[in-house]
Amino acid sequence: MSNYTDNLRYSLAKRIPDMERGFGIDTEYGRIDIAADHAAPIIRMVRIALEKDLAYAERQRVAA
């Protein structure tokens, strides 16, 4: 597989679960801190997006 798909798999396996403790979103205008008790809906959406990207990349055999 490619670095791209490996990165998606790593994000799903490690980064997404880590977000359950809370996380920050950095933008050009500053940081948004998301507390653990507010993280679940955002985590669900990010997980769905990454799973879709991974499925598409695997179908297309995208090489980074």
PDB file of N, CA and C in Angstrom:
ATOM      1  N   MET A   1       0.831  -1.181   0.000  1.00  0.00           N
ATOM      2  CA  MET A   1       0.000   0.000   0.000  1.00  0.00           C
ATOM      3  C   MET A   1       0.878   1.248   0.000  1.00  0.00           C
ATOM      4  N   SER A   2       0.253   2.344  -0.106  1.00  0.00           N
ATOM      5  CA  SER A   2       0.970   3.605  -0.215  1.00  0.00           C
ATOM      6  C   SER A   2       1.106   4.289   1.145  1.00  0.00           C
ATOM      7  N   ASN A   3       1.923   5.299   1.175  1.00  0.00           N
ATOM      8  CA  ASN A   3       2.032   6.116   2.383  1.00  0.00           C
ATOM      9  C   ASN A   3       0.690   6.740   2.722  1.00  0.00           C
ATOM     10  N   TYR A   4      -0.062   7.111   1.697  1.00  0.00           N
ATOM     11  CA  TYR A   4      -1.367   7.738   1.902  1.00  0.00           C
ATOM     12  C   TYR A   4      -2.317   6.796   2.643  1.00  0.00           C
ATOM     13  N   THR A   5      -2.442   5.572   2.165  1.00  0.00           N
ATOM     14  CA  THR A   5      -3.346   4.625   2.826  1.00  0.00           C
ATOM     15  C   THR A   5      -2.801   4.220   4.190  1.00  0.00           C
ATOM     16  N   ASP A   6      -1.491   4.097   4.296  1.00  0.00           N
ATOM     17  CA  ASP A   6      -0.895   3.786   5.604  1.00  0.00           C
ATOM     18  C   ASP A   6      -1.203   4.896   6.607  1.00  0.00           C
ATOM     19  N   ASN A   7      -1.133   6.134   6.169  1.00  0.00           N
ATOM     20  CA  ASN A   7      -1.428   7.263   7.047  1.00  0.00           C
ATOM     21  C   ASN A   7      -2.902   7.253   7.464  1.00  0.00           C
ATOM     22  N   LEU A   8      -3.790   6.943   6.538  1.00  0.00           N
ATOM     23  CA  LEU A   8      -5.211   6.853   6.881  1.00  0.00           C
ATOM     24  C   LEU A   8      -5.454   5.748   7.904  1.00  0.00           C
ATOM     25  N   ARG A   9      -4.850   4.589   7.690  1.00  0.00           N
ATOM     26  CA  ARG A   9      -5.000   3.475   8.634  1.00  0.00           C
ATOM     27  C   ARG A   9      -4.465   3.850  10.018  1.00  0.00           C
ATOM     28  N   TYR A  10      -3.321   4.513  10.048  1.00  0.00           N
ATOM     29  CA  TYR A  10      -2.734   4.932  11.318  1.00  0.00           C
ATOM     30  C   TYR A  10      -3.656   5.927  12.028  1.00  0.00           C
ATOM     31  N   SER A  11      -4.199   6.857  11.266  1.00  0.00           N
ATOM     32  CA  SER A  11      -5.123   7.831  11.852  1.00  0.00           C
ATOM     33  C   SER A  11      -6.335   7.146  12.462  1.00  0.00           C
ATOM     34  N   LEU A  12      -6.888   6.173  11.760  1.00  0.00           N
ATOM     35  CA  LEU A  12      -8.057   5.450  12.269  1.00  0.00           C
ATOM     36  C   LEU A  12      -7.705   4.610  13.495  1.00  0.00           C
ATOM     37  N   ALA A  13      -6.519   4.045  13.508  1.00  0.00           N
ATOM     38  CA  ALA A  13      -6.128   3.158  14.603  1.00  0.00           C
ATOM     39  C   ALA A  13      -5.620   3.906  15.840  1.00  0.00           C
ATOM     40  N   LYS A  14      -4.932   5.022  15.630  1.00  0.00           N
ATOM     41  CA  LYS A  14      -4.261   5.696  16.758  1.00  0.00           C
ATOM     42  C   LYS A  14      -4.773   7.108  17.019  1.00  0.00           C
ATOM     43  N   ARG A  15      -4.860   7.904  15.984  1.00  0.00           N
ATOM     44  CA  ARG A  15      -5.198   9.317  16.186  1.00  0.00           C
ATOM     45  C   ARG A  15      -6.654   9.515  16.586  1.00  0.00           C
ATOM     46  N   ILE A  16      -7.549   8.823  15.927  1.00  0.00           N
ATOM     47  CA  ILE A  16      -8.969   8.960  16.257  1.00  0.00           C
ATOM     48  C   ILE A  16      -9.236   8.555  17.710  1.00  0.00           C
ATOM     49  N   PRO A  17      -8.773   7.380  18.169  1.00  0.00           N
ATOM     50  CA  PRO A  17      -8.997   7.038  19.577  1.00  0.00           C
ATOM     51  C   PRO A  17      -8.377   8.062  20.538  1.00  0.00           C
ATOM     52  N   ASP A  18      -7.240   8.623  20.174  1.00  0.00           N
ATOM     53  CA  ASP A  18      -6.598   9.616  21.032  1.00  0.00           C
ATOM     54  C   ASP A  18      -7.439  10.877  21.162  1.00  0.00           C
ATOM     55  N   MET A  19      -8.222  11.192  20.151  1.00  0.00           N
ATOM     56  CA  MET A  19      -9.072  12.385  20.174  1.00  0.00           C
ATOM     57  C   MET A  19     -10.129  12.309  21.268  1.00  0.00           C
ATOM     58  N   GLU A  20     -10.434  11.100  21.747  1.00  0.00           N
ATOM     59  CA  GLU A  20     -11.451  10.945  22.787  1.00  0.00           C
ATOM     60  C   GLU A  20     -11.076  11.666  24.079  1.00  0.00           C
ATOM     61  N   ARG A  21      -9.797  11.973  24.260  1.00  0.00           N
ATOM     62  CA  ARG A  21      -9.341  12.691  25.455  1.00  0.00           C
ATOM     63  C   ARG A  21      -9.477  14.196  25.300  1.00  0.00           C
ATOM     64  N   GLY A  22      -9.945  14.625  24.142  1.00  0.00           N
ATOM     65  CA  GLY A  22     -10.001  16.043  23.810  1.00  0.00           C
ATOM     66  C   GLY A  22      -8.909  16.355  22.810  1.00  0.00           C
ATOM     67  N   PHE A  23      -9.071  17.448  22.093  1.00  0.00           N
ATOM     68  CA  PHE A  23      -8.098  17.787  21.060  1.00  0.00           C
ATOM     69  C   PHE A  23      -8.253  19.248  20.670  1.00  0.00           C
ATOM     70  N   GLY A  24      -7.345  19.723  19.854  1.00  0.00           N
ATOM     71  CA  GLY A  24      -7.406  21.085  19.358  1.00  0.00           C
ATOM     72  C   GLY A  24      -7.449  21.095  17.845  1.00  0.00           C
ATOM     73  N   ILE A  25      -8.071  22.127  17.311  1.00  0.00           N
ATOM     74  CA  ILE A  25      -8.097  22.347  15.870  1.00  0.00           C
ATOM     75  C   ILE A  25      -7.375  23.669  15.638  1.00  0.00           C
ATOM     76  N   ASP A  26      -6.293  23.616  14.892  1.00  0.00           N
ATOM     77  CA  ASP A  26      -5.524  24.820  14.607  1.00  0.00           C
ATOM     78  C   ASP A  26      -5.945  25.392  13.259  1.00  0.00           C
ATOM     79  N   THR A  27      -6.246  26.675  13.245  1.00  0.00           N
ATOM     80  CA  THR A  27      -6.604  27.381  12.020  1.00  0.00           C
ATOM     81  C   THR A  27      -5.669  28.571  11.856  1.00  0.00           C
ATOM     82  N   GLU A  28      -5.753  29.219  10.737  1.00  0.00           N
ATOM     83  CA  GLU A  28      -4.960  30.428  10.518  1.00  0.00           C
ATOM     84  C   GLU A  28      -5.335  31.540  11.495  1.00  0.00           C
ATOM     85  N   TYR A  29      -6.527  31.460  12.060  1.00  0.00           N
ATOM     86  CA  TYR A  29      -7.013  32.502  12.965  1.00  0.00           C
ATOM     87  C   TYR A  29      -6.901  32.129  14.434  1.00  0.00           C
ATOM     88  N   GLY A  30      -6.344  30.964  14.707  1.00  0.00           N
ATOM     89  CA  GLY A  30      -6.179  30.554  16.090  1.00  0.00           C
ATOM     90  C   GLY A  30      -6.602  29.115  16.318  1.00  0.00           C
ATOM     91  N   ARG A  31      -6.604  28.736  17.561  1.00  0.00           N
ATOM     92  CA  ARG A  31      -6.872  27.358  17.968  1.00  0.00           C
ATOM     93  C   ARG A  31      -8.260  27.252  18.580  1.00  0.00           C
ATOM     94  N   ILE A  32      -8.915  26.126  18.271  1.00  0.00           N
ATOM     95  CA  ILE A  32     -10.189  25.784  18.899  1.00  0.00           C
ATOM     96  C   ILE A  32      -9.932  24.537  19.736  1.00  0.00           C
ATOM     97  N   ASP A  33     -10.148  24.629  21.034  1.00  0.00           N
ATOM     98  CA  ASP A  33      -9.972  23.470  21.906  1.00  0.00           C
ATOM     99  C   ASP A  33     -11.303  22.765  22.079  1.00  0.00           C
ATOM    100  N   ILE A  34     -11.285  21.452  21.884  1.00  0.00           N
ATOM    101  CA  ILE A  34     -12.474  20.618  22.028  1.00  0.00           C
ATOM    102  C   ILE A  34     -12.271  19.728  23.245  1.00  0.00           C
ATOM    103  N   ALA A  35     -13.095  19.903  24.250  1.00  0.00           N
ATOM    104  CA  ALA A  35     -13.010  19.094  25.471  1.00  0.00           C
ATOM    105  C   ALA A  35     -13.490  17.671  25.191  1.00  0.00           C
ATOM    106  N   ALA A  36     -13.006  16.742  25.983  1.00  0.00           N
ATOM    107  CA  ALA A  36     -13.360  15.333  25.799  1.00  0.00           C
ATOM    108  C   ALA A  36     -14.869  15.111  25.799  1.00  0.00           C
ATOM    109  N   ASP A  37     -15.590  15.830  26.653  1.00  0.00           N
ATOM    110  CA  ASP A  37     -17.034  15.607  26.734  1.00  0.00           C
ATOM    111  C   ASP A  37     -17.804  16.196  25.550  1.00  0.00           C
ATOM    112  N   HIS A  38     -17.136  16.918  24.678  1.00  0.00           N
ATOM    113  CA  HIS A  38     -17.769  17.438  23.462  1.00  0.00           C
ATOM    114  C   HIS A  38     -17.199  16.821  22.184  1.00  0.00           C
ATOM    115  N   ALA A  39     -16.267  15.899  22.331  1.00  0.00           N
ATOM    116  CA  ALA A  39     -15.521  15.386  21.187  1.00  0.00           C
ATOM    117  C   ALA A  39     -16.269  14.340  20.351  1.00  0.00           C
ATOM    118  N   ALA A  40     -17.161  13.574  20.943  1.00  0.00           N
ATOM    119  CA  ALA A  40     -17.756  12.414  20.262  1.00  0.00           C
ATOM    120  C   ALA A  40     -18.376  12.713  18.894  1.00  0.00           C
ATOM    121  N   PRO A  41     -19.200  13.747  18.739  1.00  0.00           N
ATOM    122  CA  PRO A  41     -19.801  13.972  17.424  1.00  0.00           C
ATOM    123  C   PRO A  41     -18.772  14.343  16.354  1.00  0.00           C
ATOM    124  N   ILE A  42     -17.741  15.060  16.758  1.00  0.00           N
ATOM    125  CA  ILE A  42     -16.703  15.436  15.798  1.00  0.00           C
ATOM    126  C   ILE A  42     -15.886  14.215  15.411  1.00  0.00           C
ATOM    127  N   ILE A  43     -15.573  13.390  16.393  1.00  0.00           N
ATOM    128  CA  ILE A  43     -14.826  12.165  16.130  1.00  0.00           C
ATOM    129  C   ILE A  43     -15.583  11.278  15.148  1.00  0.00           C
ATOM    130  N   ARG A  44     -16.887  11.142  15.336  1.00  0.00           N
ATOM    131  CA  ARG A  44     -17.691  10.320  14.409  1.00  0.00           C
ATOM    132  C   ARG A  44     -17.568  10.819  12.977  1.00  0.00           C
ATOM    133  N   MET A  45     -17.659  12.119  12.795  1.00  0.00           N
ATOM    134  CA  MET A  45     -17.588  12.687  11.449  1.00  0.00           C
ATOM    135  C   MET A  45     -16.199  12.511  10.833  1.00  0.00           C
ATOM    136  N   VAL A  46     -15.170  12.709  11.629  1.00  0.00           N
ATOM    137  CA  VAL A  46     -13.807  12.533  11.127  1.00  0.00           C
ATOM    138  C   VAL A  46     -13.569  11.067  10.770  1.00  0.00           C
ATOM    139  N   ARG A  47     -14.047  10.154  11.623  1.00  0.00           N
ATOM    140  CA  ARG A  47     -13.886   8.724  11.345  1.00  0.00           C
ATOM    141  C   ARG A  47     -14.577   8.343  10.030  1.00  0.00           C
ATOM    142  N   ILE A  48     -15.790   8.821   9.832  1.00  0.00           N
ATOM    143  CA  ILE A  48     -16.521   8.530   8.601  1.00  0.00           C
ATOM    144  C   ILE A  48     -15.749   9.049   7.388  1.00  0.00           C
ATOM    145  N   ALA A  49     -15.256  10.272   7.480  1.00  0.00           N
ATOM    146  CA  ALA A  49     -14.513  10.867   6.366  1.00  0.00           C
ATOM    147  C   ALA A  49     -13.254  10.065   6.052  1.00  0.00           C
ATOM    148  N   LEU A  50     -12.506   9.678   7.086  1.00  0.00           N
ATOM    149  CA  LEU A  50     -11.283   8.908   6.864  1.00  0.00           C
ATOM    150  C   LEU A  50     -11.586   7.517   6.319  1.00  0.00           C
ATOM    151  N   GLU A  51     -12.630   6.879   6.813  1.00  0.00           N
ATOM    152  CA  GLU A  51     -13.006   5.558   6.303  1.00  0.00           C
ATOM    153  C   GLU A  51     -13.404   5.634   4.830  1.00  0.00           C
ATOM    154  N   LYS A  52     -14.123   6.680   4.450  1.00  0.00           N
ATOM    155  CA  LYS A  52     -14.489   6.857   3.041  1.00  0.00           C
ATOM    156  C   LYS A  52     -13.250   7.092   2.186  1.00  0.00           C
ATOM    157  N   ASP A  53     -12.351   7.929   2.667  1.00  0.00           N
ATOM    158  CA  ASP A  53     -11.112   8.189   1.932  1.00  0.00           C
ATOM    159  C   ASP A  53     -10.294   6.913   1.765  1.00  0.00           C
ATOM    160  N   LEU A  54     -10.206   6.120   2.829  1.00  0.00           N
ATOM    161  CA  LEU A  54      -9.450   4.877   2.762  1.00  0.00           C
ATOM    162  C   LEU A  54     -10.087   3.903   1.781  1.00  0.00           C
ATOM    163  N   ALA A  55     -11.388   3.756   1.841  1.00  0.00           N
ATOM    164  CA  ALA A  55     -12.069   2.844   0.922  1.00  0.00           C
ATOM    165  C   ALA A  55     -11.851   3.271  -0.528  1.00  0.00           C
ATOM    166  N   TYR A  56     -11.958   4.564  -0.789  1.00  0.00           N
ATOM    167  CA  TYR A  56     -11.740   5.066  -2.144  1.00  0.00           C
ATOM    168  C   TYR A  56     -10.299   4.821  -2.587  1.00  0.00           C
ATOM    169  N   ALA A  57      -9.343   5.126  -1.717  1.00  0.00           N
ATOM    170  CA  ALA A  57      -7.935   4.946  -2.056  1.00  0.00           C
ATOM    171  C   ALA A  57      -7.623   3.480  -2.342  1.00  0.00           C
ATOM    172  N   GLU A  58      -8.199   2.591  -1.545  1.00  0.00           N
ATOM    173  CA  GLU A  58      -7.975   1.164  -1.782  1.00  0.00           C
ATOM    174  C   GLU A  58      -8.575   0.710  -3.093  1.00  0.00           C
ATOM    175  N   ARG A  59      -9.748   1.245  -3.432  1.00  0.00           N
ATOM    176  CA  ARG A  59     -10.366   0.892  -4.710  1.00  0.00           C
ATOM    177  C   ARG A  59      -9.541   1.413  -5.883  1.00  0.00           C
ATOM    178  N   GLN A  60      -9.001   2.584  -5.742  1.00  0.00           N
ATOM    179  CA  GLN A  60      -8.261   3.217  -6.837  1.00  0.00           C
ATOM    180  C   GLN A  60      -6.773   2.868  -6.814  1.00  0.00           C
ATOM    181  N   ARG A  61      -6.345   2.216  -5.734  1.00  0.00           N
ATOM    182  CA  ARG A  61      -4.924   1.909  -5.544  1.00  0.00           C
ATOM    183  C   ARG A  61      -4.079   3.165  -5.665  1.00  0.00           C
ATOM    184  N   VAL A  62      -4.510   4.161  -4.925  1.00  0.00           N
ATOM    185  CA  VAL A  62      -3.829   5.447  -4.945  1.00  0.00           C
ATOM    186  C   VAL A  62      -2.425   5.284  -4.346  1.00  0.00           C
ATOM    187  N   ALA A  63      -1.438   5.775  -5.046  1.00  0.00           N
ATOM    188  CA  ALA A  63      -0.082   5.789  -4.535  1.00  0.00           C
ATOM    189  C   ALA A  63       0.265   7.213  -4.137  1.00  0.00           C
ATOM    190  N   ALA A  64       0.797   7.360  -2.942  1.00  0.00           N
ATOM    191  CA  ALA A  64       1.126   8.687  -2.445  1.00  0.00           C
ATOM    192  C   ALA A  64       2.192   9.271  -3.325  1.00  0.00           C
TER     193      ALA A  64
END
